Protein backbone atom coordinates (compact mmCIF):
# COMPACT_ATOMS: atom_id res chain seq x y z
CA UNK A 1 -14.74 -25.81 -6.47
CA UNK A 2 -15.03 -23.66 -9.67
CA UNK A 3 -12.85 -24.81 -12.66
CA UNK A 4 -10.35 -21.46 -12.49
CA UNK A 5 -9.63 -22.13 -9.43
CA UNK A 6 -8.85 -25.92 -9.83
CA UNK A 7 -6.89 -24.69 -12.86
CA UNK A 8 -4.73 -22.49 -10.85
CA UNK A 9 -4.02 -25.02 -7.83
CA UNK A 10 -2.95 -27.73 -10.63
CA UNK A 11 -0.70 -26.07 -11.84
CA UNK A 12 0.83 -24.33 -8.91
CA UNK A 13 1.36 -27.36 -7.73
CA UNK A 14 3.07 -28.86 -10.77
CA UNK A 15 5.37 -25.17 -10.66
CA UNK A 16 6.13 -26.85 -6.96
CA UNK A 17 6.74 -29.94 -8.07
CA UNK A 18 9.05 -28.94 -11.14
CA UNK A 19 10.65 -25.80 -9.47
CA UNK A 20 14.18 -26.38 -8.51
CA UNK A 21 15.48 -26.49 -4.92
CA UNK A 22 16.09 -22.60 -3.23
CA UNK A 23 19.92 -22.96 -2.56
CA UNK A 24 19.91 -23.52 -6.86
CA UNK A 25 17.55 -20.50 -6.63
CA UNK A 26 20.02 -18.17 -5.31
CA UNK A 27 22.78 -19.20 -6.71
CA UNK A 28 21.21 -18.23 -10.51
CA UNK A 29 20.24 -15.15 -8.60
CA UNK A 30 23.92 -14.43 -7.77
CA UNK A 31 25.01 -16.01 -10.89
CA UNK A 32 22.71 -13.62 -12.68
CA UNK A 33 23.99 -10.41 -10.82
CA UNK A 34 27.17 -11.51 -12.14
CA UNK A 35 27.44 -11.64 -15.77
CA UNK A 36 25.21 -8.28 -15.72
CA UNK A 37 28.02 -6.74 -14.12
CA UNK A 38 29.00 -5.58 -11.23
CA UNK A 39 28.66 -1.00 -12.35
CA UNK A 40 24.96 -2.03 -13.49
CA UNK A 41 24.55 -3.40 -9.91
CA UNK A 42 26.46 -0.45 -8.95
CA UNK A 43 23.84 1.74 -10.71
CA UNK A 44 20.87 -0.58 -10.77
CA UNK A 45 20.79 -1.36 -6.51
CA UNK A 46 17.47 -1.22 -5.81
CA UNK A 47 16.13 -2.28 -9.55
CA UNK A 48 18.38 -5.37 -9.67
CA UNK A 49 17.28 -7.05 -6.12
CA UNK A 50 16.88 -11.21 -5.82
CA UNK A 51 12.95 -10.73 -6.22
CA UNK A 52 13.04 -9.23 -10.00
CA UNK A 53 16.36 -10.98 -11.30
CA UNK A 54 14.44 -14.86 -9.62
CA UNK A 55 11.09 -13.21 -11.51
CA UNK A 56 13.12 -12.71 -15.46
CA UNK A 57 15.13 -16.05 -14.60
CA UNK A 58 11.31 -17.80 -13.95
CA UNK A 59 10.26 -16.17 -17.05
CA UNK A 60 12.79 -17.56 -18.97
CA UNK A 61 13.23 -21.12 -17.57
CA UNK A 62 15.79 -20.22 -15.09
CA UNK A 63 18.34 -19.72 -17.61
CA UNK A 64 21.02 -17.89 -16.73
CA UNK A 65 22.09 -16.95 -20.31
CA UNK A 66 18.62 -15.70 -21.91
CA UNK A 67 17.59 -14.14 -18.09
CA UNK A 68 21.11 -12.18 -17.89
CA UNK A 69 20.12 -10.91 -21.96
CA UNK A 70 17.02 -10.12 -20.65
CA UNK A 71 17.74 -8.17 -17.80
CA UNK A 72 20.43 -5.90 -20.03
CA UNK A 73 17.58 -5.42 -22.59
CA UNK A 74 16.16 -3.56 -19.80
CA UNK A 75 18.90 -1.88 -17.93
CA UNK A 76 18.95 -0.12 -21.43
CA UNK A 77 15.96 0.81 -21.86
CA UNK A 78 15.00 2.04 -18.42
CA UNK A 79 18.19 4.20 -18.52
CA UNK A 80 16.19 5.65 -21.42
CA UNK A 81 13.18 5.69 -20.38
CA UNK A 82 13.72 6.46 -16.34
CA UNK A 83 10.44 4.28 -15.13
CA UNK A 84 11.82 5.36 -11.89
CA UNK A 85 11.65 8.61 -11.73
CA UNK A 86 7.80 9.22 -12.79
CA UNK A 87 6.16 10.55 -10.01
CA UNK A 88 1.90 11.55 -9.80
CA UNK A 89 2.78 15.13 -11.13
CA UNK A 90 4.01 13.82 -14.65
CA UNK A 91 0.55 11.30 -14.59
CA UNK A 92 -1.17 13.41 -17.73
CA UNK A 93 -5.00 14.38 -17.05
CA UNK A 94 -4.49 11.63 -13.98
CA UNK A 95 -7.74 13.30 -12.06
CA UNK A 96 -9.53 12.13 -14.72
CA UNK A 97 -6.81 9.16 -16.44
CA UNK A 98 -6.56 7.36 -12.70
CA UNK A 99 -10.71 7.02 -12.89
CA UNK A 100 -9.65 4.94 -15.88
CA UNK A 101 -6.54 2.60 -14.37
CA UNK A 102 -5.78 2.47 -11.58
CA UNK A 103 -4.13 0.08 -8.91
CA UNK A 104 -7.16 -0.69 -6.57
CA UNK A 105 -7.06 -0.06 -2.64
CA UNK A 106 -7.93 -3.82 -2.10
CA UNK A 107 -6.31 -7.71 -2.47
CA UNK A 108 -8.18 -10.41 -4.16
CA UNK A 109 -7.81 -13.83 -2.08
CA UNK A 110 -4.56 -15.49 -2.40
CA UNK A 111 -3.43 -11.52 -1.43
CA UNK A 112 -2.45 -10.23 -4.80
CA UNK A 113 -2.51 -6.70 -5.67
CA UNK A 114 -5.32 -5.43 -7.36
CA UNK A 115 -5.20 -3.56 -11.34
CA UNK A 116 -7.74 -2.46 -12.85
CA UNK A 117 -8.39 -0.42 -16.28
CA UNK A 118 -11.92 0.35 -17.32
CA UNK A 119 -12.83 1.61 -20.63
CA UNK A 120 -16.02 3.06 -20.17
CA UNK A 121 -14.69 5.41 -18.75
CA UNK A 122 -12.57 7.43 -22.68
CA UNK A 123 -9.32 7.94 -22.43
CA UNK A 124 -8.42 12.01 -22.57
CA UNK A 125 -4.16 11.38 -23.44
CA UNK A 126 -1.97 10.36 -26.54
CA UNK A 127 -0.29 6.58 -26.28
CA UNK A 128 2.69 8.20 -25.37
CA UNK A 129 1.00 9.61 -22.72
CA UNK A 130 -0.75 6.18 -21.25
CA UNK A 131 2.11 4.11 -21.86
CA UNK A 132 3.87 6.38 -19.22
CA UNK A 133 0.35 5.67 -16.94
CA UNK A 134 1.55 2.14 -17.06
CA UNK A 135 4.57 1.41 -16.30
CA UNK A 136 3.45 4.06 -13.99
CA UNK A 137 1.35 1.91 -12.42
CA UNK A 138 3.36 -1.18 -13.55
CA UNK A 139 6.09 0.34 -11.05
CA UNK A 140 4.92 0.76 -8.01
CA UNK A 141 3.29 -2.85 -8.43
CA UNK A 142 7.26 -3.96 -9.01
CA UNK A 143 8.03 -2.08 -5.43
CA UNK A 144 5.42 -3.26 -3.37
CA UNK A 145 5.94 -6.97 -4.52
CA UNK A 146 9.56 -7.01 -4.06
CA UNK A 147 10.18 -8.72 -0.89
CA UNK A 148 6.62 -10.32 -0.20
CA UNK A 149 4.95 -11.87 -3.03
CA UNK A 150 7.82 -11.32 -5.17
CA UNK A 151 5.91 -13.22 -8.58
CA UNK A 152 2.82 -13.44 -10.03
CA UNK A 153 1.89 -11.32 -7.81
CA UNK A 154 -0.65 -8.80 -9.49
CA UNK A 155 -4.10 -9.70 -10.64
CA UNK A 156 -5.50 -7.50 -13.54
CA UNK A 157 -9.20 -6.42 -13.80
CA UNK A 158 -10.05 -5.40 -16.93
CA UNK A 159 -13.71 -3.70 -17.62
CA UNK A 160 -14.77 -3.90 -21.46
CA UNK A 161 -18.39 -2.73 -21.18
CA UNK A 162 -18.14 0.42 -23.88
CA UNK A 163 -15.45 -0.73 -26.30
CA UNK A 164 -15.09 -0.45 -30.27
CA UNK A 165 -12.22 -0.95 -31.83
CA UNK A 166 -11.19 2.96 -31.52
CA UNK A 167 -10.96 2.36 -27.43
CA UNK A 168 -7.52 -0.02 -28.28
CA UNK A 169 -5.50 1.19 -30.53
CA UNK A 170 -2.85 -1.53 -32.31
CA UNK A 171 -0.44 0.78 -31.34
CA UNK A 172 -1.54 1.18 -27.80
CA UNK A 173 -2.27 -3.16 -27.21
CA UNK A 174 1.66 -4.07 -28.58
CA UNK A 175 3.94 -1.06 -26.78
CA UNK A 176 1.53 -2.13 -23.75
CA UNK A 177 2.48 -6.44 -24.14
CA UNK A 178 6.16 -5.67 -25.30
CA UNK A 179 6.45 -3.21 -22.40
CA UNK A 180 5.09 -6.46 -19.39
CA UNK A 181 6.19 -9.52 -21.71
CA UNK A 182 10.11 -7.97 -21.46
CA UNK A 183 10.51 -5.23 -18.27
CA UNK A 184 7.74 -6.60 -15.84
CA UNK A 185 7.92 -10.30 -16.47
CA UNK A 186 6.56 -12.91 -13.83
CA UNK A 187 4.09 -9.99 -11.88
CA UNK A 188 0.88 -10.59 -13.34
CA UNK A 189 -0.58 -13.50 -12.61
CA UNK A 190 -4.23 -13.23 -13.80
CA UNK A 191 -5.34 -11.21 -16.74
CA UNK A 192 -9.13 -11.25 -16.00
CA UNK A 193 -11.12 -9.29 -19.17
CA UNK A 194 -14.31 -9.17 -18.03
CA UNK A 195 -17.33 -8.19 -20.65
CA UNK A 196 -15.63 -8.38 -23.60
CA UNK A 197 -18.14 -7.33 -26.29
CA UNK A 198 -18.29 -9.65 -29.51
CA UNK A 199 -16.47 -7.21 -31.59
CA UNK A 200 -13.11 -7.54 -29.45
CA UNK A 201 -13.11 -11.49 -30.56
CA UNK A 202 -11.62 -10.19 -33.55
CA UNK A 203 -9.83 -7.80 -31.92
CA UNK A 204 -7.99 -10.67 -29.49
CA UNK A 205 -7.13 -12.93 -32.79
CA UNK A 206 -4.48 -10.05 -33.57
CA UNK A 207 -3.31 -10.04 -30.04
CA UNK A 208 -3.26 -12.49 -29.25
CA UNK A 209 0.08 -13.75 -30.35
CA UNK A 210 1.88 -10.64 -30.06
CA UNK A 211 1.67 -12.09 -26.80
CA UNK A 212 3.93 -15.32 -24.53
CA UNK A 213 2.37 -18.61 -24.07
CA UNK A 214 3.13 -18.24 -20.49
CA UNK A 215 1.17 -15.33 -20.18
CA UNK A 216 -0.95 -15.27 -22.38
CA UNK A 217 -2.09 -18.47 -19.71
CA UNK A 218 -2.92 -15.97 -17.73
CA UNK A 219 -5.72 -14.42 -19.64
CA UNK A 220 -9.56 -15.13 -18.35
CA UNK A 221 -12.58 -13.73 -20.04
CA UNK A 222 -15.42 -13.11 -17.18
CA UNK A 223 -19.48 -12.12 -18.41
CA UNK A 224 -21.08 -10.56 -14.89
CA UNK A 225 -24.76 -12.43 -15.93
CA UNK A 226 -22.67 -16.58 -16.67
CA UNK A 227 -22.39 -17.92 -12.65
CA UNK A 228 -19.97 -19.53 -13.33
CA UNK A 229 -18.36 -16.75 -13.92
CA UNK A 230 -19.64 -15.58 -11.03
CA UNK A 231 -18.83 -18.14 -9.15
CA UNK A 232 -14.55 -17.33 -10.07
CA UNK A 233 -15.02 -13.72 -9.34
CA UNK A 234 -16.86 -14.98 -5.38
CA UNK A 235 -13.33 -17.10 -5.39
CA UNK A 236 -10.98 -14.54 -5.99
CA UNK A 237 -12.23 -10.99 -4.27
CA UNK A 238 -14.24 -10.70 -1.78
CA UNK A 239 -17.25 -9.63 -3.15
CA UNK A 240 -18.20 -6.43 -0.63
CA UNK A 241 -14.83 -4.83 -1.77
CA UNK A 242 -14.94 -6.20 -5.72
CA UNK A 243 -15.58 -2.97 -8.23
CA UNK A 244 -19.72 -3.79 -9.10
CA UNK A 245 -18.25 -3.34 -12.04
CA UNK A 246 -17.13 -7.27 -12.13
CA UNK A 247 -19.96 -8.45 -10.50
CA UNK A 248 -19.36 -7.13 -6.64
CA UNK A 249 -20.80 -5.24 -4.07
CA UNK A 250 -19.16 -2.37 -4.13
CA UNK A 251 -20.77 1.07 -5.81
CA UNK A 252 -18.75 3.01 -3.69
CA UNK A 253 -17.98 6.69 -6.12
CA UNK A 254 -13.57 6.91 -6.47
CA UNK A 255 -12.54 8.88 -3.75
CA UNK A 256 -9.29 11.34 -5.97
CA UNK A 257 -7.99 12.90 -2.97
CA UNK A 258 -7.36 9.40 -1.54
CA UNK A 259 -5.87 7.99 -3.74
CA UNK A 260 -3.61 10.58 -5.06
CA UNK A 261 -2.21 10.70 -0.94
CA UNK A 262 -1.90 7.61 -1.59
CA UNK A 263 -0.02 7.06 -4.63
CA UNK A 264 1.83 9.58 -3.23
CA UNK A 265 2.43 7.53 -0.58
CA UNK A 266 4.12 5.05 -3.71
CA UNK A 267 6.34 7.75 -5.05
CA UNK A 268 7.87 8.99 -1.53
CA UNK A 269 8.60 4.64 -0.73
CA UNK A 270 10.18 3.96 -3.57
CA UNK A 271 11.94 6.98 -3.73
CA UNK A 272 10.35 8.37 -7.31
CA UNK A 273 11.84 11.75 -8.75
CA UNK A 274 11.27 13.65 -11.75
CA UNK A 275 14.08 15.16 -10.86
CA UNK A 276 13.33 17.24 -14.42
CA UNK A 277 12.41 14.27 -15.78
CA UNK A 278 11.31 15.49 -19.07
CA UNK A 279 8.65 13.08 -21.43
């Protein structure tokens, strides 16, 4: 068994031992919903599900006060940004950008959704549009996880081959981290950074200061030419489905028509409609 898998199992066992009982958790969920306010709960009923509130509570060490404060900030952000209205048709250069950043059509061996980004494909959109695409994908991932594996339900795979200092502007990295940590806490189970070049080390030393400890410990570096990294990947994925860029055996071309249809179904499932959205 690989070191990473052992660490994940040990951490999960410790968290299970330390967690409050289900009844106590539900009491805290109900308390936070009351503290947020009945009008807000009615306005954003689909967002303020038990699963969402539980994720915010766990991210704030089950402090109802801190979770309520964080949720109120997210409610303000959602009113302004309106992430629930972003649709597939709103994504700029979507036929190119979806090849660069996408939700995979397979899951890892733990049943978690897989979110993929590839630095080797040059981005054709602005930072603003890249943030919109990130939020769009996070909304789909959060919506699909609610009611199933509500917490830590996503593995984020990033292929860093071809990455340079101009690939990821610092402003994009900071805003992306802020959105993931503050508005979608507890969603990311593991972030796998595959084949980062040596120059990435300097960038990581800066970026890691913006990342909360809980999320930072979920970042793992792997290299496809490393036997240990290969064991980690083989433990986590069906190699016949995993892309070759990450050490898998899947070399199939990206099917844009199939992907677009899947995203439109996801939009329909979460009731997304741009409704004149101007962002």
